[in-house]
Amino acid sequence: MTIDKNDFLRYNRQMNLSEVGVEGQLQIKAAKVIVLGAGGLGSPILTYLASCGVGTLAVVDYDNIEHHNLHRQILFTEQDINCSKTVKAAERIQAINPHITCIIYEEKLTKDNIPTILSSYDIVVDGTDNFETRYLVNDTCVRLGKTLVYGTILGFEGQLSVLNHQGSKNLRDLFPEPPSKEEVPNCSIHGVLGTFPGIIGTMMAQETLKIILNLPVLTNQLLLIDTLQWQFTKLSY
């Protein structure tokens, strides 16, 4: 694998960083990343990873696009309502960067299919929105030895961490068991400002690129982000 003329033209601004350079861009080009969910978090994650040149980018989602998605799921337009999220996400990703490979999985993650789906990728980025799936993803990444980028949002508050990376701790070290269904807040009831998933999703994309580039990341640390007061708290665990 080499850097060609198109790579220099497209990525020269990030390649000018001493932490990236030609070698780093080659690492990004060779990377295989799978993003779980093409919604509020997945949209900015996919957009920026594609823009920065991640060579193989996969997306998993089984939903269709609905009207209420449009205020925060920036990959989609009103003309896409009732269409498959993965199909439309792939179209947008390839339009953003036709020089990468985009793979779609239009299916729900289950204990039966998730090992096969995740096994081909270097990094798993979790943009799902329910605890059942998050713990399924975490436990599978532990079994497969996959690095997991974890992010959540609720209201104006978000969380970010990198799990199971080079022997680091995983979600169950942070939260041993998922909360009961009665304790889980619902964003459809509590609401979310359209910009907020973009903030956390972009931060998740940043951590993903830093993992690829072997830069320091949030291992054994949980970053708490309060965007109402702009307070950031980093907890070790």
C-alpha atoms as a PDB file:
ATOM      1  CA  MET A   1       0.000   0.000   0.000  1.00  0.00           C
ATOM      2  CA  THR A   2       1.315   3.436  -0.973  1.00  0.00           C
ATOM      3  CA  ILE A   3       0.334   7.097  -0.823  1.00  0.00           C
ATOM      4  CA  ASP A   4      -0.623   8.310  -4.302  1.00  0.00           C
ATOM      5  CA  LYS A   5      -1.140  11.768  -5.800  1.00  0.00           C
ATOM      6  CA  ASN A   6      -4.806  11.847  -4.797  1.00  0.00           C
ATOM      7  CA  ASP A   7      -3.848  11.063  -1.187  1.00  0.00           C
ATOM      8  CA  PHE A   8      -1.402  13.969  -1.095  1.00  0.00           C
ATOM      9  CA  LEU A   9      -3.953  16.349  -2.581  1.00  0.00           C
ATOM     10  CA  ARG A  10      -6.760  15.213  -0.286  1.00  0.00           C
ATOM     11  CA  TYR A  11      -4.991  14.649   3.028  1.00  0.00           C
ATOM     12  CA  ASN A  12      -2.003  17.016   2.966  1.00  0.00           C
ATOM     13  CA  ARG A  13      -3.379  19.204   5.770  1.00  0.00           C
ATOM     14  CA  GLN A  14      -3.501  16.311   8.230  1.00  0.00           C
ATOM     15  CA  MET A  15      -0.307  14.792   6.827  1.00  0.00           C
ATOM     16  CA  ASN A  16       1.463  18.055   7.726  1.00  0.00           C
ATOM     17  CA  LEU A  17       0.993  17.116  11.375  1.00  0.00           C
ATOM     18  CA  SER A  18       4.150  15.527  12.750  1.00  0.00           C
ATOM     19  CA  GLU A  19       1.930  12.921  14.455  1.00  0.00           C
ATOM     20  CA  VAL A  20       0.534  11.847  11.081  1.00  0.00           C
ATOM     21  CA  GLY A  21       2.854  12.327   8.127  1.00  0.00           C
ATOM     22  CA  VAL A  22       3.078   9.773   5.315  1.00  0.00           C
ATOM     23  CA  GLU A  23       3.403   6.820   7.673  1.00  0.00           C
ATOM     24  CA  GLY A  24       0.335   7.842   9.659  1.00  0.00           C
ATOM     25  CA  GLN A  25      -1.744   8.357   6.535  1.00  0.00           C
ATOM     26  CA  LEU A  26      -0.749   4.888   5.390  1.00  0.00           C
ATOM     27  CA  GLN A  27      -1.968   3.539   8.738  1.00  0.00           C
ATOM     28  CA  ILE A  28      -5.284   5.350   8.291  1.00  0.00           C
ATOM     29  CA  LYS A  29      -5.573   4.031   4.734  1.00  0.00           C
ATOM     30  CA  ALA A  30      -4.938   0.471   5.918  1.00  0.00           C
ATOM     31  CA  ALA A  31      -7.342   0.661   8.869  1.00  0.00           C
ATOM     32  CA  LYS A  32     -10.560  -1.344   9.025  1.00  0.00           C
ATOM     33  CA  VAL A  33     -13.194   0.281  11.225  1.00  0.00           C
ATOM     34  CA  ILE A  34     -16.787  -0.758  11.865  1.00  0.00           C
ATOM     35  CA  VAL A  35     -19.345   1.756  13.130  1.00  0.00           C
ATOM     36  CA  LEU A  36     -22.403   0.392  14.919  1.00  0.00           C
ATOM     37  CA  GLY A  37     -25.362   2.629  14.225  1.00  0.00           C
ATOM     38  CA  ALA A  38     -25.865   5.225  11.501  1.00  0.00           C
ATOM     39  CA  GLY A  39     -27.877   7.623  13.657  1.00  0.00           C
ATOM     40  CA  GLY A  40     -27.031  10.711  15.676  1.00  0.00           C
ATOM     41  CA  LEU A  41     -23.594   9.481  16.747  1.00  0.00           C
ATOM     42  CA  GLY A  42     -22.907   7.337  13.706  1.00  0.00           C
ATOM     43  CA  SER A  43     -23.502  10.157  11.221  1.00  0.00           C
ATOM     44  CA  PRO A  44     -20.584  12.379  12.324  1.00  0.00           C
ATOM     45  CA  ILE A  45     -18.380   9.367  13.091  1.00  0.00           C
ATOM     46  CA  LEU A  46     -18.839   7.994   9.568  1.00  0.00           C
ATOM     47  CA  THR A  47     -18.526  11.425   7.951  1.00  0.00           C
ATOM     48  CA  TYR A  48     -15.193  12.263   9.546  1.00  0.00           C
ATOM     49  CA  LEU A  49     -13.634   8.811   9.301  1.00  0.00           C
ATOM     50  CA  ALA A  50     -14.487   8.775   5.605  1.00  0.00           C
ATOM     51  CA  SER A  51     -13.207  12.315   5.111  1.00  0.00           C
ATOM     52  CA  CYS A  52      -9.909  11.471   6.819  1.00  0.00           C
ATOM     53  CA  GLY A  53      -9.347   8.421   4.624  1.00  0.00           C
ATOM     54  CA  VAL A  54     -10.037   5.326   6.738  1.00  0.00           C
ATOM     55  CA  GLY A  55      -9.528   2.683   4.065  1.00  0.00           C
ATOM     56  CA  THR A  56     -12.280   0.238   5.002  1.00  0.00           C
ATOM     57  CA  LEU A  57     -15.329   1.640   6.748  1.00  0.00           C
ATOM     58  CA  ALA A  58     -18.307  -0.551   7.655  1.00  0.00           C
ATOM     59  CA  VAL A  59     -21.680   0.473   9.082  1.00  0.00           C
ATOM     60  CA  VAL A  60     -24.306  -1.626  10.868  1.00  0.00           C
ATOM     61  CA  ASP A  61     -27.928  -0.534  11.193  1.00  0.00           C
ATOM     62  CA  TYR A  62     -31.289  -2.126  10.488  1.00  0.00           C
ATOM     63  CA  ASP A  63     -33.558   0.944  10.769  1.00  0.00           C
ATOM     64  CA  ASN A  64     -35.172   3.052   8.103  1.00  0.00           C
ATOM     65  CA  ILE A  65     -34.923   6.849   8.127  1.00  0.00           C
ATOM     66  CA  GLU A  66     -37.781   8.664   9.853  1.00  0.00           C
ATOM     67  CA  HIS A  67     -38.774  12.318   9.960  1.00  0.00           C
ATOM     68  CA  HIS A  68     -37.642  12.791  13.565  1.00  0.00           C
ATOM     69  CA  ASN A  69     -34.112  11.592  12.674  1.00  0.00           C
ATOM     70  CA  LEU A  70     -33.353  14.545  10.422  1.00  0.00           C
ATOM     71  CA  HIS A  71     -32.592  17.185  13.069  1.00  0.00           C
ATOM     72  CA  ARG A  72     -29.481  15.304  14.225  1.00  0.00           C
ATOM     73  CA  GLN A  73     -28.636  12.555  11.710  1.00  0.00           C
ATOM     74  CA  ILE A  74     -26.728  14.683   9.238  1.00  0.00           C
ATOM     75  CA  LEU A  75     -26.086  11.997   6.621  1.00  0.00           C
ATOM     76  CA  PHE A  76     -29.746  12.058   5.594  1.00  0.00           C
ATOM     77  CA  THR A  77     -32.190  14.407   3.867  1.00  0.00           C
ATOM     78  CA  GLU A  78     -35.967  14.625   3.693  1.00  0.00           C
ATOM     79  CA  GLN A  79     -35.884  12.720   0.402  1.00  0.00           C
ATOM     80  CA  ASP A  80     -34.419   9.739   2.279  1.00  0.00           C
ATOM     81  CA  ILE A  81     -37.387   9.189   4.615  1.00  0.00           C
ATOM     82  CA  ASN A  82     -38.422   5.500   4.704  1.00  0.00           C
ATOM     83  CA  CYS A  83     -35.155   4.454   3.044  1.00  0.00           C
ATOM     84  CA  SER A  84     -32.581   2.173   4.650  1.00  0.00           C
ATOM     85  CA  LYS A  85     -30.088   4.000   6.883  1.00  0.00           C
ATOM     86  CA  THR A  86     -27.183   1.786   5.883  1.00  0.00           C
ATOM     87  CA  VAL A  87     -27.856   2.124   2.170  1.00  0.00           C
ATOM     88  CA  LYS A  88     -28.175   5.915   2.299  1.00  0.00           C
ATOM     89  CA  ALA A  89     -25.218   6.223   4.688  1.00  0.00           C
ATOM     90  CA  ALA A  90     -23.058   4.243   2.259  1.00  0.00           C
ATOM     91  CA  GLU A  91     -24.148   6.467  -0.624  1.00  0.00           C
ATOM     92  CA  ARG A  92     -23.171   9.599   1.309  1.00  0.00           C
ATOM     93  CA  ILE A  93     -19.878   8.094   2.502  1.00  0.00           C
ATOM     94  CA  GLN A  94     -18.875   7.130  -1.036  1.00  0.00           C
ATOM     95  CA  ALA A  95     -19.871  10.612  -2.253  1.00  0.00           C
ATOM     96  CA  ILE A  96     -17.662  12.154   0.455  1.00  0.00           C
ATOM     97  CA  ASN A  97     -14.739   9.881  -0.376  1.00  0.00           C
ATOM     98  CA  PRO A  98     -14.975   7.508  -3.356  1.00  0.00           C
ATOM     99  CA  HIS A  99     -11.429   6.256  -2.684  1.00  0.00           C
ATOM    100  CA  ILE A 100     -12.359   4.180   0.379  1.00  0.00           C
ATOM    101  CA  THR A 101     -14.254   0.904   0.713  1.00  0.00           C
ATOM    102  CA  CYS A 102     -17.649   1.048   2.424  1.00  0.00           C
ATOM    103  CA  ILE A 103     -19.371  -2.132   3.646  1.00  0.00           C
ATOM    104  CA  ILE A 104     -22.919  -2.281   4.999  1.00  0.00           C
ATOM    105  CA  TYR A 105     -24.649  -4.716   7.329  1.00  0.00           C
ATOM    106  CA  GLU A 106     -28.396  -4.110   7.192  1.00  0.00           C
ATOM    107  CA  GLU A 107     -29.251  -6.274  10.170  1.00  0.00           C
ATOM    108  CA  LYS A 108     -29.781  -6.187  13.913  1.00  0.00           C
ATOM    109  CA  LEU A 109     -26.828  -7.264  16.041  1.00  0.00           C
ATOM    110  CA  THR A 110     -27.493 -10.503  17.932  1.00  0.00           C
ATOM    111  CA  LYS A 111     -25.353 -12.900  19.935  1.00  0.00           C
ATOM    112  CA  ASP A 112     -25.383 -15.194  16.897  1.00  0.00           C
ATOM    113  CA  ASN A 113     -24.223 -12.779  14.185  1.00  0.00           C
ATOM    114  CA  ILE A 114     -22.062 -10.286  16.069  1.00  0.00           C
ATOM    115  CA  PRO A 115     -18.838 -12.374  16.282  1.00  0.00           C
ATOM    116  CA  THR A 116     -18.813 -12.854  12.515  1.00  0.00           C
ATOM    117  CA  ILE A 117     -19.633  -9.206  11.794  1.00  0.00           C
ATOM    118  CA  LEU A 118     -16.964  -7.730  14.095  1.00  0.00           C
ATOM    119  CA  SER A 119     -14.211 -10.247  13.420  1.00  0.00           C
ATOM    120  CA  SER A 120     -12.865  -8.584  10.244  1.00  0.00           C
ATOM    121  CA  TYR A 121     -12.294  -5.129  11.748  1.00  0.00           C
ATOM    122  CA  ASP A 122      -9.509  -3.535  13.778  1.00  0.00           C
ATOM    123  CA  ILE A 123     -11.623  -1.058  15.730  1.00  0.00           C
ATOM    124  CA  VAL A 124     -15.285  -1.111  16.757  1.00  0.00           C
ATOM    125  CA  VAL A 125     -17.039   2.242  17.276  1.00  0.00           C
ATOM    126  CA  ASP A 126     -20.293   1.948  19.206  1.00  0.00           C
ATOM    127  CA  GLY A 127     -22.932   4.474  18.215  1.00  0.00           C
ATOM    128  CA  THR A 128     -25.870   2.368  19.404  1.00  0.00           C
ATOM    129  CA  ASP A 129     -28.544   3.725  21.706  1.00  0.00           C
ATOM    130  CA  ASN A 130     -29.477   0.911  24.097  1.00  0.00           C
ATOM    131  CA  PHE A 131     -27.704  -0.852  26.936  1.00  0.00           C
ATOM    132  CA  GLU A 132     -28.535  -4.378  25.807  1.00  0.00           C
ATOM    133  CA  THR A 133     -26.621  -3.862  22.580  1.00  0.00           C
ATOM    134  CA  ARG A 134     -23.781  -1.956  24.256  1.00  0.00           C
ATOM    135  CA  TYR A 135     -23.058  -4.828  26.627  1.00  0.00           C
ATOM    136  CA  LEU A 136     -23.368  -7.375  23.822  1.00  0.00           C
ATOM    137  CA  VAL A 137     -20.861  -5.335  21.798  1.00  0.00           C
ATOM    138  CA  ASN A 138     -18.509  -4.931  24.762  1.00  0.00           C
ATOM    139  CA  ASP A 139     -18.512  -8.608  25.679  1.00  0.00           C
ATOM    140  CA  THR A 140     -17.930  -9.633  22.065  1.00  0.00           C
ATOM    141  CA  CYS A 141     -15.024  -7.191  21.722  1.00  0.00           C
ATOM    142  CA  VAL A 142     -13.472  -8.673  24.870  1.00  0.00           C
ATOM    143  CA  ARG A 143     -13.768 -12.209  23.466  1.00  0.00           C
ATOM    144  CA  LEU A 144     -12.365 -11.171  20.080  1.00  0.00           C
ATOM    145  CA  GLY A 145      -9.697  -8.840  21.453  1.00  0.00           C
ATOM    146  CA  LYS A 146     -11.111  -5.800  19.619  1.00  0.00           C
ATOM    147  CA  THR A 147     -10.626  -2.173  20.640  1.00  0.00           C
ATOM    148  CA  LEU A 148     -13.971  -0.480  21.341  1.00  0.00           C
ATOM    149  CA  VAL A 149     -14.675   3.258  21.199  1.00  0.00           C
ATOM    150  CA  TYR A 150     -17.569   3.974  23.558  1.00  0.00           C
ATOM    151  CA  GLY A 151     -19.746   7.083  23.630  1.00  0.00           C
ATOM    152  CA  THR A 152     -23.158   7.965  25.027  1.00  0.00           C
ATOM    153  CA  ILE A 153     -25.393  11.021  25.190  1.00  0.00           C
ATOM    154  CA  LEU A 154     -28.348  12.082  27.317  1.00  0.00           C
ATOM    155  CA  GLY A 155     -29.760  15.579  27.384  1.00  0.00           C
ATOM    156  CA  PHE A 156     -26.734  17.874  27.499  1.00  0.00           C
ATOM    157  CA  GLU A 157     -24.363  15.299  29.025  1.00  0.00           C
ATOM    158  CA  GLY A 158     -22.150  12.785  27.293  1.00  0.00           C
ATOM    159  CA  GLN A 159     -19.543  10.130  28.063  1.00  0.00           C
ATOM    160  CA  LEU A 160     -16.528   8.937  26.106  1.00  0.00           C
ATOM    161  CA  SER A 161     -13.990   6.159  26.658  1.00  0.00           C
ATOM    162  CA  VAL A 162     -11.762   3.688  24.802  1.00  0.00           C
ATOM    163  CA  LEU A 163     -12.322   0.131  26.018  1.00  0.00           C
ATOM    164  CA  ASN A 164     -10.402  -3.129  25.735  1.00  0.00           C
ATOM    165  CA  HIS A 165      -7.443  -1.434  24.040  1.00  0.00           C
ATOM    166  CA  GLN A 166      -4.073  -3.170  24.397  1.00  0.00           C
ATOM    167  CA  GLY A 167      -5.139  -4.854  27.612  1.00  0.00           C
ATOM    168  CA  SER A 168      -7.084  -1.934  29.060  1.00  0.00           C
ATOM    169  CA  LYS A 169     -10.321  -2.292  30.997  1.00  0.00           C
ATOM    170  CA  ASN A 170     -13.739  -2.804  29.415  1.00  0.00           C
ATOM    171  CA  LEU A 171     -17.292  -1.634  30.014  1.00  0.00           C
ATOM    172  CA  ARG A 172     -17.952  -4.162  32.774  1.00  0.00           C
ATOM    173  CA  ASP A 173     -14.976  -2.827  34.716  1.00  0.00           C
ATOM    174  CA  LEU A 174     -16.658   0.566  34.597  1.00  0.00           C
ATOM    175  CA  PHE A 175     -20.303  -0.507  34.937  1.00  0.00           C
ATOM    176  CA  PRO A 176     -20.422  -4.225  35.870  1.00  0.00           C
ATOM    177  CA  GLU A 177     -24.083  -4.701  34.948  1.00  0.00           C
ATOM    178  CA  PRO A 178     -26.485  -2.786  32.714  1.00  0.00           C
ATOM    179  CA  PRO A 179     -29.239  -0.811  34.446  1.00  0.00           C
ATOM    180  CA  SER A 180     -32.729  -2.234  34.558  1.00  0.00           C
ATOM    181  CA  LYS A 181     -35.099  -1.185  31.802  1.00  0.00           C
ATOM    182  CA  GLU A 182     -37.037   0.922  34.317  1.00  0.00           C
ATOM    183  CA  GLU A 183     -33.888   2.940  35.091  1.00  0.00           C
ATOM    184  CA  VAL A 184     -32.946   3.654  31.490  1.00  0.00           C
ATOM    185  CA  PRO A 185     -33.839   7.177  30.276  1.00  0.00           C
ATOM    186  CA  ASN A 186     -35.401   7.446  26.826  1.00  0.00           C
ATOM    187  CA  CYS A 187     -34.128  10.221  24.546  1.00  0.00           C
ATOM    188  CA  SER A 188     -37.443  10.224  22.686  1.00  0.00           C
ATOM    189  CA  ILE A 189     -39.006  11.421  25.947  1.00  0.00           C
ATOM    190  CA  HIS A 190     -36.128  13.418  27.472  1.00  0.00           C
ATOM    191  CA  GLY A 191     -35.005  14.912  24.159  1.00  0.00           C
ATOM    192  CA  VAL A 192     -31.668  15.871  22.614  1.00  0.00           C
ATOM    193  CA  LEU A 193     -30.461  19.075  20.973  1.00  0.00           C
ATOM    194  CA  GLY A 194     -29.572  18.343  17.369  1.00  0.00           C
ATOM    195  CA  THR A 195     -25.954  19.515  17.634  1.00  0.00           C
ATOM    196  CA  PHE A 196     -25.024  17.378  20.647  1.00  0.00           C
ATOM    197  CA  PRO A 197     -24.643  13.972  18.926  1.00  0.00           C
ATOM    198  CA  GLY A 198     -22.366  15.772  16.476  1.00  0.00           C
ATOM    199  CA  ILE A 199     -20.097  16.907  19.309  1.00  0.00           C
ATOM    200  CA  ILE A 200     -19.746  13.484  20.908  1.00  0.00           C
ATOM    201  CA  GLY A 201     -19.651  11.643  17.583  1.00  0.00           C
ATOM    202  CA  THR A 202     -16.823  13.861  16.360  1.00  0.00           C
ATOM    203  CA  MET A 203     -14.906  13.198  19.583  1.00  0.00           C
ATOM    204  CA  MET A 204     -15.407   9.457  19.041  1.00  0.00           C
ATOM    205  CA  ALA A 205     -14.035   9.802  15.505  1.00  0.00           C
ATOM    206  CA  GLN A 206     -11.048  11.701  16.926  1.00  0.00           C
ATOM    207  CA  GLU A 207     -10.288   8.892  19.391  1.00  0.00           C
ATOM    208  CA  THR A 208     -10.615   6.337  16.591  1.00  0.00           C
ATOM    209  CA  LEU A 209      -8.045   8.151  14.463  1.00  0.00           C
ATOM    210  CA  LYS A 210      -5.726   8.487  17.473  1.00  0.00           C
ATOM    211  CA  ILE A 211      -5.957   4.724  18.048  1.00  0.00           C
ATOM    212  CA  ILE A 212      -5.003   4.111  14.412  1.00  0.00           C
ATOM    213  CA  LEU A 213      -2.058   6.526  14.769  1.00  0.00           C
ATOM    214  CA  ASN A 214      -0.899   5.000  18.067  1.00  0.00           C
ATOM    215  CA  LEU A 215      -1.438   8.276  19.925  1.00  0.00           C
ATOM    216  CA  PRO A 216      -2.546   8.561  23.594  1.00  0.00           C
ATOM    217  CA  VAL A 217      -6.256   7.754  24.041  1.00  0.00           C
ATOM    218  CA  LEU A 218      -8.821   7.489  26.845  1.00  0.00           C
ATOM    219  CA  THR A 219      -7.915   4.019  28.149  1.00  0.00           C
ATOM    220  CA  ASN A 220      -9.026   3.278  31.727  1.00  0.00           C
ATOM    221  CA  GLN A 221     -10.509   6.776  31.747  1.00  0.00           C
ATOM    222  CA  LEU A 222     -14.060   8.047  31.355  1.00  0.00           C
ATOM    223  CA  LEU A 223     -14.520  11.554  29.999  1.00  0.00           C
ATOM    224  CA  LEU A 224     -17.718  13.258  31.171  1.00  0.00           C
ATOM    225  CA  ILE A 225     -18.865  16.168  29.022  1.00  0.00           C
ATOM    226  CA  ASP A 226     -21.457  18.694  30.230  1.00  0.00           C
ATOM    227  CA  THR A 227     -22.257  20.912  27.258  1.00  0.00           C
ATOM    228  CA  LEU A 228     -24.730  23.060  29.175  1.00  0.00           C
ATOM    229  CA  GLN A 229     -21.991  24.447  31.450  1.00  0.00           C
ATOM    230  CA  TRP A 230     -19.026  23.359  29.273  1.00  0.00           C
ATOM    231  CA  GLN A 231     -17.505  21.305  32.042  1.00  0.00           C
ATOM    232  CA  PHE A 232     -15.201  18.362  31.319  1.00  0.00           C
ATOM    233  CA  THR A 233     -14.383  15.757  33.965  1.00  0.00           C
ATOM    234  CA  LYS A 234     -11.964  12.877  33.445  1.00  0.00           C
ATOM    235  CA  LEU A 235     -12.358   9.885  35.784  1.00  0.00           C
ATOM    236  CA  SER A 236      -9.887   7.015  36.099  1.00  0.00           C
ATOM    237  CA  TYR A 237     -11.233   3.505  36.655  1.00  0.00           C
END
